[in-house]
């Protein structure tokens, strides 16, 4: 079952959790197709199962990485990546952080499947939670049929991915994100995210030249940059999340990192 919601710019999004795809339909430009990483897609699916309800970090990690054990940093990075893709990196209005508890999807952004490109006057709440878990109670025959259908979809998906791979040299998705770990030392982790390898390398150089290696910092930090604006998202050692945006020309990077990680005032 697909899910429908609107971004803050009123673009309609159709999310297919089985194919891990987002179809983003802006008001005045052609639709954009994005394939999410498996864990990112499962996180979004779980939050959309019960929009508005809080999902604990433990429940999200168990659902998104049901095939292996990962650290809390993997969840933080996936949420950060999803917010960048959905244009929610600044105020976290779509994927809402609930301090010390988890995350929830803002149900005000839900839309109906037949919604057109124009925003509706009142958000339409579509209940998906009741239908999704019902798969667990299907008779064995129907479950087997569903398995064959999924295999058929998988074959079609593999063929499509092969075709897209052939076109990839000539076309690169606008929202393709590059992620690089800059520092992972003790209780400090810093990750850069950018639309190109050059963006990530530039962020890495700025951070390493800021003098951060000489400071006793703790927590997890994710950094991205759009034009002259730099975005920092932090998970402090207390477990609280903090986000800020600033102009790189007006503020010192190391001062903003201190503020994001909660060093000032301690």
C-alpha atoms as a PDB file:
ATOM      1  CA  UNK A   1       0.000   0.000   0.000  1.00  0.00           C
ATOM      2  CA  UNK A   2       1.337   3.391  -0.999  1.00  0.00           C
ATOM      3  CA  UNK A   3       1.303   6.503   1.196  1.00  0.00           C
ATOM      4  CA  UNK A   4       0.659  10.088   0.132  1.00  0.00           C
ATOM      5  CA  UNK A   5       1.758  13.306   1.810  1.00  0.00           C
ATOM      6  CA  UNK A   6       2.789  16.860   0.987  1.00  0.00           C
ATOM      7  CA  UNK A   7       6.113  18.554   1.516  1.00  0.00           C
ATOM      8  CA  UNK A   8       6.322  22.046   2.974  1.00  0.00           C
ATOM      9  CA  UNK A   9       6.546  23.468  -0.573  1.00  0.00           C
ATOM     10  CA  UNK A  10       3.165  21.796  -1.353  1.00  0.00           C
ATOM     11  CA  UNK A  11       4.717  19.127  -3.608  1.00  0.00           C
ATOM     12  CA  UNK A  12       2.717  15.886  -3.490  1.00  0.00           C
ATOM     13  CA  UNK A  13       4.729  12.775  -2.550  1.00  0.00           C
ATOM     14  CA  UNK A  14       3.763   9.179  -3.275  1.00  0.00           C
ATOM     15  CA  UNK A  15       5.768   6.672  -1.225  1.00  0.00           C
ATOM     16  CA  UNK A  16       5.924   3.006  -2.259  1.00  0.00           C
ATOM     17  CA  UNK A  17       7.351   1.074   0.725  1.00  0.00           C
ATOM     18  CA  UNK A  18       7.683  -2.166  -1.266  1.00  0.00           C
ATOM     19  CA  UNK A  19       9.872  -0.577  -3.958  1.00  0.00           C
ATOM     20  CA  UNK A  20      11.563   1.941  -1.581  1.00  0.00           C
ATOM     21  CA  UNK A  21      10.635   4.773  -3.968  1.00  0.00           C
ATOM     22  CA  UNK A  22       9.443   8.352  -3.583  1.00  0.00           C
ATOM     23  CA  UNK A  23       7.621  10.087  -6.421  1.00  0.00           C
ATOM     24  CA  UNK A  24       7.757  13.828  -5.755  1.00  0.00           C
ATOM     25  CA  UNK A  25       5.347  15.935  -7.820  1.00  0.00           C
ATOM     26  CA  UNK A  26       6.054  19.687  -7.494  1.00  0.00           C
ATOM     27  CA  UNK A  27       3.486  22.273  -8.546  1.00  0.00           C
ATOM     28  CA  UNK A  28       5.162  23.567 -11.708  1.00  0.00           C
ATOM     29  CA  UNK A  29       7.972  21.148 -12.563  1.00  0.00           C
ATOM     30  CA  UNK A  30       8.107  17.516 -13.769  1.00  0.00           C
ATOM     31  CA  UNK A  31       7.858  14.706 -11.162  1.00  0.00           C
ATOM     32  CA  UNK A  32      11.041  13.407  -9.584  1.00  0.00           C
ATOM     33  CA  UNK A  33      11.659   9.733  -8.744  1.00  0.00           C
ATOM     34  CA  UNK A  34      13.971   8.873  -5.834  1.00  0.00           C
ATOM     35  CA  UNK A  35      14.965   5.410  -4.627  1.00  0.00           C
ATOM     36  CA  UNK A  36      15.669   5.303  -0.894  1.00  0.00           C
ATOM     37  CA  UNK A  37      18.080   3.047   0.924  1.00  0.00           C
ATOM     38  CA  UNK A  38      16.298   0.040   2.452  1.00  0.00           C
ATOM     39  CA  UNK A  39      16.683   1.216   6.069  1.00  0.00           C
ATOM     40  CA  UNK A  40      15.581   4.784   5.219  1.00  0.00           C
ATOM     41  CA  UNK A  41      12.480   3.461   3.438  1.00  0.00           C
ATOM     42  CA  UNK A  42      11.540   1.187   6.345  1.00  0.00           C
ATOM     43  CA  UNK A  43      11.909   4.067   8.828  1.00  0.00           C
ATOM     44  CA  UNK A  44       9.563   6.224   6.748  1.00  0.00           C
ATOM     45  CA  UNK A  45       7.136   3.307   6.385  1.00  0.00           C
ATOM     46  CA  UNK A  46       7.006   2.689  10.135  1.00  0.00           C
ATOM     47  CA  UNK A  47       6.379   6.370  10.905  1.00  0.00           C
ATOM     48  CA  UNK A  48       3.594   6.444   8.292  1.00  0.00           C
ATOM     49  CA  UNK A  49       1.902   3.327   9.680  1.00  0.00           C
ATOM     50  CA  UNK A  50       0.616   5.443  12.568  1.00  0.00           C
ATOM     51  CA  UNK A  51       1.097   9.101  11.598  1.00  0.00           C
ATOM     52  CA  UNK A  52       1.127  11.393  14.595  1.00  0.00           C
ATOM     53  CA  UNK A  53       2.057   8.577  16.988  1.00  0.00           C
ATOM     54  CA  UNK A  54       5.496   8.480  18.611  1.00  0.00           C
ATOM     55  CA  UNK A  55       7.782   5.609  17.585  1.00  0.00           C
ATOM     56  CA  UNK A  56      10.601   4.873  19.998  1.00  0.00           C
ATOM     57  CA  UNK A  57      14.163   4.814  18.724  1.00  0.00           C
ATOM     58  CA  UNK A  58      14.434   1.156  19.754  1.00  0.00           C
ATOM     59  CA  UNK A  59      11.316   0.170  17.782  1.00  0.00           C
ATOM     60  CA  UNK A  60      12.496   2.058  14.697  1.00  0.00           C
ATOM     61  CA  UNK A  61      15.943   0.448  14.776  1.00  0.00           C
ATOM     62  CA  UNK A  62      14.461  -3.046  15.223  1.00  0.00           C
ATOM     63  CA  UNK A  63      12.127  -2.509  12.241  1.00  0.00           C
ATOM     64  CA  UNK A  64      14.558  -0.739   9.905  1.00  0.00           C
ATOM     65  CA  UNK A  65      17.497  -3.068  10.532  1.00  0.00           C
ATOM     66  CA  UNK A  66      15.688  -6.349  11.174  1.00  0.00           C
ATOM     67  CA  UNK A  67      18.538  -8.261   9.530  1.00  0.00           C
ATOM     68  CA  UNK A  68      21.409  -6.933  11.642  1.00  0.00           C
ATOM     69  CA  UNK A  69      22.388  -4.969  14.753  1.00  0.00           C
ATOM     70  CA  UNK A  70      23.462  -1.342  14.309  1.00  0.00           C
ATOM     71  CA  UNK A  71      24.368   1.552  16.571  1.00  0.00           C
ATOM     72  CA  UNK A  72      22.173   4.545  17.382  1.00  0.00           C
ATOM     73  CA  UNK A  73      24.319   6.587  15.005  1.00  0.00           C
ATOM     74  CA  UNK A  74      22.871   4.672  12.043  1.00  0.00           C
ATOM     75  CA  UNK A  75      19.368   5.849  12.976  1.00  0.00           C
ATOM     76  CA  UNK A  76      20.532   9.446  13.385  1.00  0.00           C
ATOM     77  CA  UNK A  77      22.183   9.377   9.963  1.00  0.00           C
ATOM     78  CA  UNK A  78      19.096   7.868   8.285  1.00  0.00           C
ATOM     79  CA  UNK A  79      16.793  10.504   9.820  1.00  0.00           C
ATOM     80  CA  UNK A  80      19.227  13.215   8.716  1.00  0.00           C
ATOM     81  CA  UNK A  81      19.292  11.820   5.154  1.00  0.00           C
ATOM     82  CA  UNK A  82      15.478  11.556   4.973  1.00  0.00           C
ATOM     83  CA  UNK A  83      15.081  15.140   6.164  1.00  0.00           C
ATOM     84  CA  UNK A  84      17.470  16.375   3.483  1.00  0.00           C
ATOM     85  CA  UNK A  85      15.590  14.476   0.772  1.00  0.00           C
ATOM     86  CA  UNK A  86      12.204  15.749   2.018  1.00  0.00           C
ATOM     87  CA  UNK A  87      13.354  19.352   2.482  1.00  0.00           C
ATOM     88  CA  UNK A  88      12.854  19.077   6.246  1.00  0.00           C
ATOM     89  CA  UNK A  89      16.402  19.689   7.454  1.00  0.00           C
ATOM     90  CA  UNK A  90      15.774  23.153   8.929  1.00  0.00           C
ATOM     91  CA  UNK A  91      12.751  23.008  11.266  1.00  0.00           C
ATOM     92  CA  UNK A  92      11.967  19.256  11.357  1.00  0.00           C
ATOM     93  CA  UNK A  93       8.263  19.892  10.823  1.00  0.00           C
ATOM     94  CA  UNK A  94       7.705  16.723   8.771  1.00  0.00           C
ATOM     95  CA  UNK A  95       9.745  14.171  10.718  1.00  0.00           C
ATOM     96  CA  UNK A  96       9.359  15.440  14.260  1.00  0.00           C
ATOM     97  CA  UNK A  97      11.911  14.662  16.970  1.00  0.00           C
ATOM     98  CA  UNK A  98      10.375  13.875  20.362  1.00  0.00           C
ATOM     99  CA  UNK A  99      13.263  14.396  22.836  1.00  0.00           C
ATOM    100  CA  UNK A 100      14.265  11.270  24.789  1.00  0.00           C
ATOM    101  CA  UNK A 101      11.407   9.284  23.221  1.00  0.00           C
ATOM    102  CA  UNK A 102      11.763   8.949  19.450  1.00  0.00           C
ATOM    103  CA  UNK A 103      10.191  10.339  16.290  1.00  0.00           C
ATOM    104  CA  UNK A 104       6.760  10.844  14.722  1.00  0.00           C
ATOM    105  CA  UNK A 105       5.415  11.779  11.288  1.00  0.00           C
ATOM    106  CA  UNK A 106       3.426  15.020  11.289  1.00  0.00           C
ATOM    107  CA  UNK A 107      -0.068  13.880  10.248  1.00  0.00           C
ATOM    108  CA  UNK A 108      -0.949  17.415   9.080  1.00  0.00           C
ATOM    109  CA  UNK A 109       1.083  16.690   5.928  1.00  0.00           C
ATOM    110  CA  UNK A 110      -0.918  13.607   4.860  1.00  0.00           C
ATOM    111  CA  UNK A 111      -2.824  13.789   1.572  1.00  0.00           C
ATOM    112  CA  UNK A 112      -5.371  11.654  -0.269  1.00  0.00           C
ATOM    113  CA  UNK A 113      -4.257   9.338  -3.128  1.00  0.00           C
ATOM    114  CA  UNK A 114      -6.245  11.312  -5.717  1.00  0.00           C
ATOM    115  CA  UNK A 115      -4.927  14.719  -4.636  1.00  0.00           C
ATOM    116  CA  UNK A 116      -3.875  16.941  -7.518  1.00  0.00           C
ATOM    117  CA  UNK A 117      -0.872  19.262  -7.616  1.00  0.00           C
ATOM    118  CA  UNK A 118      -2.680  22.101  -5.826  1.00  0.00           C
ATOM    119  CA  UNK A 119      -2.631  22.153  -1.994  1.00  0.00           C
ATOM    120  CA  UNK A 120      -5.890  21.304  -0.276  1.00  0.00           C
ATOM    121  CA  UNK A 121      -7.630  23.649   2.157  1.00  0.00           C
ATOM    122  CA  UNK A 122      -7.647  21.060   4.920  1.00  0.00           C
ATOM    123  CA  UNK A 123      -5.169  18.171   5.247  1.00  0.00           C
ATOM    124  CA  UNK A 124      -6.798  14.804   4.607  1.00  0.00           C
ATOM    125  CA  UNK A 125      -5.868  12.133   7.117  1.00  0.00           C
ATOM    126  CA  UNK A 126      -5.488   8.748   5.487  1.00  0.00           C
ATOM    127  CA  UNK A 127      -5.487   5.828   7.864  1.00  0.00           C
ATOM    128  CA  UNK A 128      -3.017   3.187   6.751  1.00  0.00           C
ATOM    129  CA  UNK A 129      -2.223   1.564  10.063  1.00  0.00           C
ATOM    130  CA  UNK A 130      -5.264  -0.719  10.177  1.00  0.00           C
ATOM    131  CA  UNK A 131      -4.717  -2.226   6.735  1.00  0.00           C
ATOM    132  CA  UNK A 132      -0.960  -2.793   6.881  1.00  0.00           C
ATOM    133  CA  UNK A 133      -0.725  -5.216   9.828  1.00  0.00           C
ATOM    134  CA  UNK A 134      -3.651  -7.215   8.410  1.00  0.00           C
ATOM    135  CA  UNK A 135      -1.177  -9.025   6.158  1.00  0.00           C
ATOM    136  CA  UNK A 136      -0.045 -11.013   9.170  1.00  0.00           C
ATOM    137  CA  UNK A 137      -3.484 -12.664   9.450  1.00  0.00           C
ATOM    138  CA  UNK A 138      -3.848 -13.729   5.795  1.00  0.00           C
ATOM    139  CA  UNK A 139      -4.427 -17.445   5.048  1.00  0.00           C
ATOM    140  CA  UNK A 140      -1.346 -19.420   4.026  1.00  0.00           C
ATOM    141  CA  UNK A 141      -2.502 -19.639   0.384  1.00  0.00           C
ATOM    142  CA  UNK A 142      -2.853 -15.857   0.113  1.00  0.00           C
ATOM    143  CA  UNK A 143       0.497 -15.326   1.794  1.00  0.00           C
ATOM    144  CA  UNK A 144       2.109 -17.648  -0.772  1.00  0.00           C
ATOM    145  CA  UNK A 145       0.371 -15.802  -3.611  1.00  0.00           C
ATOM    146  CA  UNK A 146       1.587 -12.527  -2.168  1.00  0.00           C
ATOM    147  CA  UNK A 147       5.121 -13.938  -2.088  1.00  0.00           C
ATOM    148  CA  UNK A 148       4.970 -14.781  -5.815  1.00  0.00           C
ATOM    149  CA  UNK A 149       3.616 -11.316  -6.564  1.00  0.00           C
ATOM    150  CA  UNK A 150       6.523  -9.793  -4.639  1.00  0.00           C
ATOM    151  CA  UNK A 151       8.981 -11.943  -6.619  1.00  0.00           C
ATOM    152  CA  UNK A 152       7.390 -10.645  -9.810  1.00  0.00           C
ATOM    153  CA  UNK A 153       7.787  -7.082  -8.599  1.00  0.00           C
ATOM    154  CA  UNK A 154      11.405  -7.838  -7.682  1.00  0.00           C
ATOM    155  CA  UNK A 155      12.140  -9.114 -11.201  1.00  0.00           C
ATOM    156  CA  UNK A 156      10.620  -5.984 -12.725  1.00  0.00           C
ATOM    157  CA  UNK A 157      12.573  -3.816 -10.279  1.00  0.00           C
ATOM    158  CA  UNK A 158      15.883  -5.498 -11.148  1.00  0.00           C
ATOM    159  CA  UNK A 159      15.233  -4.970 -14.848  1.00  0.00           C
ATOM    160  CA  UNK A 160      14.364  -1.322 -14.209  1.00  0.00           C
ATOM    161  CA  UNK A 161      17.487  -0.788 -12.084  1.00  0.00           C
ATOM    162  CA  UNK A 162      19.648  -2.310 -14.837  1.00  0.00           C
ATOM    163  CA  UNK A 163      18.129   0.069 -17.376  1.00  0.00           C
ATOM    164  CA  UNK A 164      18.602   3.051 -15.058  1.00  0.00           C
ATOM    165  CA  UNK A 165      22.208   2.028 -14.444  1.00  0.00           C
ATOM    166  CA  UNK A 166      22.869   2.255 -18.175  1.00  0.00           C
ATOM    167  CA  UNK A 167      21.465   5.795 -18.169  1.00  0.00           C
ATOM    168  CA  UNK A 168      23.223   6.831 -14.979  1.00  0.00           C
ATOM    169  CA  UNK A 169      26.366   8.072 -16.738  1.00  0.00           C
ATOM    170  CA  UNK A 170      24.253  10.522 -18.727  1.00  0.00           C
ATOM    171  CA  UNK A 171      21.930  11.510 -15.874  1.00  0.00           C
ATOM    172  CA  UNK A 172      22.628  11.896 -12.178  1.00  0.00           C
ATOM    173  CA  UNK A 173      19.680  12.535  -9.772  1.00  0.00           C
ATOM    174  CA  UNK A 174      19.625  16.039  -8.421  1.00  0.00           C
ATOM    175  CA  UNK A 175      19.117  14.816  -4.883  1.00  0.00           C
ATOM    176  CA  UNK A 176      21.903  12.203  -4.896  1.00  0.00           C
ATOM    177  CA  UNK A 177      23.614  12.582  -1.538  1.00  0.00           C
ATOM    178  CA  UNK A 178      27.214  11.840  -0.597  1.00  0.00           C
ATOM    179  CA  UNK A 179      28.027  10.976   3.019  1.00  0.00           C
ATOM    180  CA  UNK A 180      31.487  10.909   4.588  1.00  0.00           C
ATOM    181  CA  UNK A 181      32.574  10.267   8.161  1.00  0.00           C
ATOM    182  CA  UNK A 182      35.061  12.961   9.161  1.00  0.00           C
ATOM    183  CA  UNK A 183      35.796  12.119  12.792  1.00  0.00           C
ATOM    184  CA  UNK A 184      34.889   9.020  14.788  1.00  0.00           C
ATOM    185  CA  UNK A 185      36.876   9.200  17.958  1.00  0.00           C
ATOM    186  CA  UNK A 186      35.704   8.151  21.417  1.00  0.00           C
ATOM    187  CA  UNK A 187      32.326   9.756  22.057  1.00  0.00           C
ATOM    188  CA  UNK A 188      32.593  12.263  19.184  1.00  0.00           C
ATOM    189  CA  UNK A 189      31.260  11.477  15.703  1.00  0.00           C
ATOM    190  CA  UNK A 190      31.106  13.990  12.828  1.00  0.00           C
ATOM    191  CA  UNK A 191      29.542  13.211   9.434  1.00  0.00           C
ATOM    192  CA  UNK A 192      29.371  15.462   6.356  1.00  0.00           C
ATOM    193  CA  UNK A 193      26.525  15.253   3.828  1.00  0.00           C
ATOM    194  CA  UNK A 194      26.532  16.929   0.413  1.00  0.00           C
ATOM    195  CA  UNK A 195      25.111  16.682  -3.095  1.00  0.00           C
ATOM    196  CA  UNK A 196      28.549  15.897  -4.533  1.00  0.00           C
ATOM    197  CA  UNK A 197      31.895  14.516  -3.455  1.00  0.00           C
ATOM    198  CA  UNK A 198      33.357  18.010  -3.865  1.00  0.00           C
ATOM    199  CA  UNK A 199      30.794  19.419  -1.387  1.00  0.00           C
ATOM    200  CA  UNK A 200      31.671  16.750   1.155  1.00  0.00           C
ATOM    201  CA  UNK A 201      35.424  17.260   0.708  1.00  0.00           C
ATOM    202  CA  UNK A 202      35.017  21.030   1.179  1.00  0.00           C
ATOM    203  CA  UNK A 203      33.045  20.506   4.401  1.00  0.00           C
ATOM    204  CA  UNK A 204      35.674  18.071   5.642  1.00  0.00           C
ATOM    205  CA  UNK A 205      38.485  20.558   4.978  1.00  0.00           C
ATOM    206  CA  UNK A 206      36.624  23.379   6.754  1.00  0.00           C
ATOM    207  CA  UNK A 207      35.955  21.224   9.831  1.00  0.00           C
ATOM    208  CA  UNK A 208      39.500  19.901  10.132  1.00  0.00           C
ATOM    209  CA  UNK A 209      40.919  23.423   9.748  1.00  0.00           C
ATOM    210  CA  UNK A 210      38.561  24.876  12.374  1.00  0.00           C
ATOM    211  CA  UNK A 211      40.626  23.558  15.300  1.00  0.00           C
ATOM    212  CA  UNK A 212      38.036  21.001  16.351  1.00  0.00           C
ATOM    213  CA  UNK A 213      40.624  18.267  16.933  1.00  0.00           C
ATOM    214  CA  UNK A 214      41.997  20.194  19.912  1.00  0.00           C
ATOM    215  CA  UNK A 215      38.627  20.460  21.716  1.00  0.00           C
ATOM    216  CA  UNK A 216      37.109  17.910  24.138  1.00  0.00           C
ATOM    217  CA  UNK A 217      33.744  17.546  22.341  1.00  0.00           C
ATOM    218  CA  UNK A 218      31.160  14.804  22.881  1.00  0.00           C
ATOM    219  CA  UNK A 219      28.119  13.778  20.809  1.00  0.00           C
ATOM    220  CA  UNK A 220      27.130  13.180  17.199  1.00  0.00           C
ATOM    221  CA  UNK A 221      27.138  15.926  14.577  1.00  0.00           C
ATOM    222  CA  UNK A 222      25.851  15.950  10.978  1.00  0.00           C
ATOM    223  CA  UNK A 223      26.758  18.884   8.745  1.00  0.00           C
ATOM    224  CA  UNK A 224      25.546  20.004   5.311  1.00  0.00           C
ATOM    225  CA  UNK A 225      25.750  23.229   3.309  1.00  0.00           C
ATOM    226  CA  UNK A 226      23.495  24.949   0.768  1.00  0.00           C
ATOM    227  CA  UNK A 227      25.038  28.030  -0.812  1.00  0.00           C
ATOM    228  CA  UNK A 228      26.308  30.259   1.989  1.00  0.00           C
ATOM    229  CA  UNK A 229      24.107  28.563   4.616  1.00  0.00           C
ATOM    230  CA  UNK A 230      25.491  25.763   6.782  1.00  0.00           C
ATOM    231  CA  UNK A 231      23.200  23.336   8.660  1.00  0.00           C
ATOM    232  CA  UNK A 232      24.233  21.472  11.816  1.00  0.00           C
ATOM    233  CA  UNK A 233      22.182  18.682  13.393  1.00  0.00           C
ATOM    234  CA  UNK A 234      23.484  17.321  16.688  1.00  0.00           C
ATOM    235  CA  UNK A 235      22.679  14.605  19.176  1.00  0.00           C
ATOM    236  CA  UNK A 236      24.235  15.800  22.424  1.00  0.00           C
ATOM    237  CA  UNK A 237      25.734  13.499  25.048  1.00  0.00           C
ATOM    238  CA  UNK A 238      22.531  14.038  27.099  1.00  0.00           C
ATOM    239  CA  UNK A 239      20.505  12.454  24.274  1.00  0.00           C
ATOM    240  CA  UNK A 240      18.825  15.741  23.273  1.00  0.00           C
ATOM    241  CA  UNK A 241      18.699  16.700  19.590  1.00  0.00           C
ATOM    242  CA  UNK A 242      19.640  20.221  18.470  1.00  0.00           C
ATOM    243  CA  UNK A 243      19.593  21.878  15.055  1.00  0.00           C
ATOM    244  CA  UNK A 244      20.860  25.244  13.838  1.00  0.00           C
ATOM    245  CA  UNK A 245      21.557  27.022  10.564  1.00  0.00           C
ATOM    246  CA  UNK A 246      23.951  29.909  10.031  1.00  0.00           C
ATOM    247  CA  UNK A 247      25.865  31.862   7.411  1.00  0.00           C
ATOM    248  CA  UNK A 248      29.412  30.568   7.074  1.00  0.00           C
ATOM    249  CA  UNK A 249      30.627  34.075   6.264  1.00  0.00           C
ATOM    250  CA  UNK A 250      29.141  35.580   9.448  1.00  0.00           C
ATOM    251  CA  UNK A 251      29.859  32.952  12.111  1.00  0.00           C
ATOM    252  CA  UNK A 252      32.910  30.885  13.047  1.00  0.00           C
ATOM    253  CA  UNK A 253      32.326  27.199  12.364  1.00  0.00           C
ATOM    254  CA  UNK A 254      33.931  26.031  15.607  1.00  0.00           C
ATOM    255  CA  UNK A 255      31.708  28.379  17.649  1.00  0.00           C
ATOM    256  CA  UNK A 256      28.586  26.993  16.000  1.00  0.00           C
ATOM    257  CA  UNK A 257      29.758  23.396  16.581  1.00  0.00           C
ATOM    258  CA  UNK A 258      30.309  24.221  20.272  1.00  0.00           C
ATOM    259  CA  UNK A 259      26.801  25.652  20.472  1.00  0.00           C
ATOM    260  CA  UNK A 260      25.215  22.724  18.645  1.00  0.00           C
ATOM    261  CA  UNK A 261      26.888  20.126  20.872  1.00  0.00           C
ATOM    262  CA  UNK A 262      25.974  22.089  24.004  1.00  0.00           C
ATOM    263  CA  UNK A 263      29.461  23.126  25.082  1.00  0.00           C
ATOM    264  CA  UNK A 264      28.536  26.758  25.786  1.00  0.00           C
ATOM    265  CA  UNK A 265      27.085  27.322  29.205  1.00  0.00           C
ATOM    266  CA  UNK A 266      28.260  23.968  30.637  1.00  0.00           C
END
